[in-house]
Protein backbone atom coordinates (compact mmCIF):
# COMPACT_ATOMS: atom_id res chain seq x y z
CA MET A 1 -83.72 3.66 -1.22
CA MET A 2 -81.38 6.47 -1.13
CA LYS A 3 -78.86 7.36 -3.74
CA LYS A 4 -75.22 6.65 -2.79
CA ILE A 5 -73.41 9.91 -1.83
CA ASN A 6 -70.28 10.18 -3.92
CA LYS A 7 -69.74 13.92 -3.67
CA ILE A 8 -70.73 16.60 -0.78
CA LEU A 9 -70.79 20.06 -1.48
CA ALA A 10 -69.95 22.23 1.67
CA ALA A 11 -70.91 25.96 1.57
CA LEU A 12 -68.64 27.83 4.01
CA ASP A 13 -69.07 31.54 4.41
CA PHE A 14 -66.62 32.19 7.26
CA SER A 15 -69.93 32.73 9.49
CA PRO A 16 -69.68 30.92 13.04
CA TYR A 17 -71.33 27.96 11.22
CA SER A 18 -68.42 27.25 8.91
CA LYS A 19 -66.38 25.12 11.07
CA LYS A 20 -69.34 22.71 11.98
CA VAL A 21 -70.45 22.71 8.46
CA LEU A 22 -67.04 21.59 7.37
CA GLU A 23 -66.66 19.15 10.27
CA CYS A 24 -69.86 17.61 9.50
CA ALA A 25 -68.99 17.40 5.65
CA ILE A 26 -65.56 15.69 6.35
CA GLU A 27 -66.99 12.88 8.79
CA THR A 28 -70.06 12.20 6.34
CA ALA A 29 -67.29 12.00 3.65
CA LYS A 30 -65.42 9.59 5.86
CA LYS A 31 -68.43 7.33 6.46
CA THR A 32 -69.71 7.36 2.91
CA SER A 33 -66.17 7.47 1.03
CA ALA A 34 -67.46 10.64 -0.65
CA GLU A 35 -65.43 13.68 -1.95
CA VAL A 36 -65.94 16.84 -0.19
CA ILE A 37 -66.07 19.82 -2.46
CA ILE A 38 -65.88 23.35 -0.51
CA VAL A 39 -67.38 26.17 -2.41
CA ASN A 40 -67.03 29.80 -1.30
CA VAL A 41 -68.58 32.77 -2.88
CA ILE A 42 -67.40 36.36 -3.09
CA ASN A 43 -70.43 38.16 -2.98
CA ARG A 44 -70.65 40.56 -5.95
CA ARG A 45 -72.43 43.14 -3.47
CA ASP A 46 -69.47 43.10 -1.15
CA ILE A 47 -67.09 43.71 -4.11
CA ASP A 48 -69.28 46.80 -5.37
CA THR A 49 -69.24 48.28 -1.80
CA VAL A 50 -65.39 48.04 -1.56
CA ARG A 51 -64.84 49.58 -4.60
CA LYS A 52 -67.23 52.43 -3.93
CA ILE A 53 -65.54 53.02 -0.38
CA PHE A 54 -62.11 53.21 -2.32
CA GLU A 55 -63.23 55.55 -5.12
CA LYS A 56 -64.87 57.74 -2.77
CA GLU A 57 -61.72 58.07 -0.25
CA GLN A 58 -58.89 57.49 -2.83
CA PRO A 59 -60.24 58.03 -6.55
CA GLY A 60 -58.15 55.69 -9.27
CA ALA A 61 -56.32 53.79 -6.14
CA PHE A 62 -58.60 50.68 -6.44
CA SER A 63 -57.26 47.71 -8.39
CA MET A 64 -59.76 45.12 -8.87
CA GLN A 65 -57.05 42.57 -9.55
CA LYS A 66 -55.04 43.27 -6.43
CA TYR A 67 -58.33 43.33 -4.34
CA MET A 68 -59.50 39.76 -5.75
CA SER A 69 -56.06 38.36 -5.53
CA ASP A 70 -55.47 39.38 -1.93
CA ASP A 71 -59.17 38.54 -1.01
CA LEU A 72 -58.55 34.87 -2.66
CA GLY A 73 -55.44 34.72 -0.67
CA ARG A 74 -57.03 35.12 2.60
CA ARG A 75 -59.86 33.03 1.97
CA SER A 76 -57.74 30.34 1.00
CA ARG A 77 -55.56 30.42 4.00
CA LEU A 78 -58.58 30.43 6.21
CA ILE A 79 -60.20 27.55 4.41
CA GLN A 80 -56.83 25.52 4.60
CA GLU A 81 -56.51 26.33 8.51
CA MET A 82 -60.20 25.34 8.88
CA ILE A 83 -59.39 21.86 6.88
CA THR A 84 -56.50 21.20 9.23
CA ASP A 85 -58.58 21.96 12.47
CA CYS A 86 -61.59 19.49 11.33
CA GLY A 87 -59.01 16.78 10.64
CA GLY A 88 -59.45 16.86 6.84
CA ASP A 89 -56.54 15.96 4.39
CA LYS A 90 -55.94 19.20 2.11
CA ASN A 91 -55.04 17.05 -0.66
CA GLN A 92 -58.20 15.04 -0.70
CA ILE A 93 -60.58 18.31 -0.52
CA LYS A 94 -61.34 20.31 -3.59
CA THR A 95 -62.07 24.12 -3.00
CA LEU A 96 -63.98 26.16 -5.49
CA PHE A 97 -64.06 29.82 -5.12
CA MET A 98 -66.74 31.76 -7.15
CA GLU A 99 -67.81 35.11 -7.55
CA GLY A 100 -71.58 36.40 -7.87
CA THR A 101 -74.67 35.97 -5.98
CA PRO A 102 -74.32 33.34 -3.16
CA PHE A 103 -77.43 31.21 -3.62
CA GLU A 104 -77.20 31.35 -7.44
CA GLN A 105 -73.38 30.27 -7.42
CA ILE A 106 -74.04 27.40 -4.50
CA LEU A 107 -76.76 26.10 -6.97
CA LYS A 108 -74.74 26.29 -10.09
CA SER A 109 -71.78 24.33 -8.45
CA ILE A 110 -74.33 21.48 -7.24
CA VAL A 111 -75.09 21.08 -11.07
CA ASP A 112 -71.61 21.66 -12.21
CA GLU A 113 -69.83 19.21 -9.72
CA ASN A 114 -72.55 16.68 -9.66
CA ALA A 115 -73.03 16.83 -6.08
CA ASP A 116 -75.10 14.19 -4.18
CA MET A 117 -75.88 16.42 -1.29
CA ILE A 118 -75.06 19.87 0.11
CA ILE A 119 -74.29 20.75 3.63
CA MET A 120 -74.42 24.40 4.88
CA GLY A 121 -75.12 26.47 7.87
CA ASN A 122 -78.99 27.42 8.37
CA LYS A 123 -77.84 30.96 8.79
CA GLY A 124 -75.05 33.02 7.16
CA LYS A 125 -72.90 36.20 8.27
CA THR A 126 -75.82 38.16 9.33
CA ASP A 127 -79.68 37.80 9.77
CA LEU A 128 -80.43 41.18 8.49
CA ALA A 129 -80.33 39.70 4.92
CA SER A 130 -82.67 36.85 5.63
CA VAL A 131 -85.31 39.81 6.90
CA LEU A 132 -84.94 41.78 4.04
CA PHE A 133 -84.19 39.77 1.08
CA GLY A 134 -85.08 35.87 2.26
CA GLY A 135 -81.68 34.63 3.17
CA CYS A 136 -79.31 32.36 1.11
CA ALA A 137 -80.08 29.25 2.95
CA GLU A 138 -83.76 29.58 2.53
CA LYS A 139 -83.15 30.11 -1.32
CA ILE A 140 -81.05 26.81 -1.44
CA PHE A 141 -83.36 24.88 0.61
CA ARG A 142 -86.19 25.78 -1.84
CA HIS A 143 -84.17 25.34 -4.99
CA SER A 144 -81.70 22.67 -4.41
CA PRO A 145 -81.74 19.64 -6.77
CA VAL A 146 -80.22 17.41 -4.03
CA PRO A 147 -80.79 16.92 -0.37
CA VAL A 148 -79.69 19.79 2.04
CA PHE A 149 -78.25 19.21 5.31
CA SER A 150 -78.50 21.99 7.43
CA VAL A 151 -76.11 22.59 10.46
CA ARG A 152 -77.15 24.64 13.38
């Protein structure tokens, strides 16, 4: 017999799969009376790239605090819009923003939030990373301590 699902982690990366991932998480939560926890990871590699570009173009002009504040505001707005579009209740969905390597932070959030399952896209923003490094989704599938539901 399968364990009752109380918490569903929805990994959103703003790829074309994200809306379907959230729709699936919200519908599954409605059927199981589970809580939805959205996790969105700000990739450390992307932050480093932006910093290098700023430092090259305008030395001393980059403010990590301003960049992170602006980026978190943008991400929060996009997620709130997605929740509304998917028929979710903003007050009943928890959102976590994390910084680091996406697959590591997602695996950490599964444990930290005591999630019973994770729903995520089977591909992220680009297929290039999966060719070169072995994609985030594949690493989650291999190392997740809970069932992984993949949305195509």
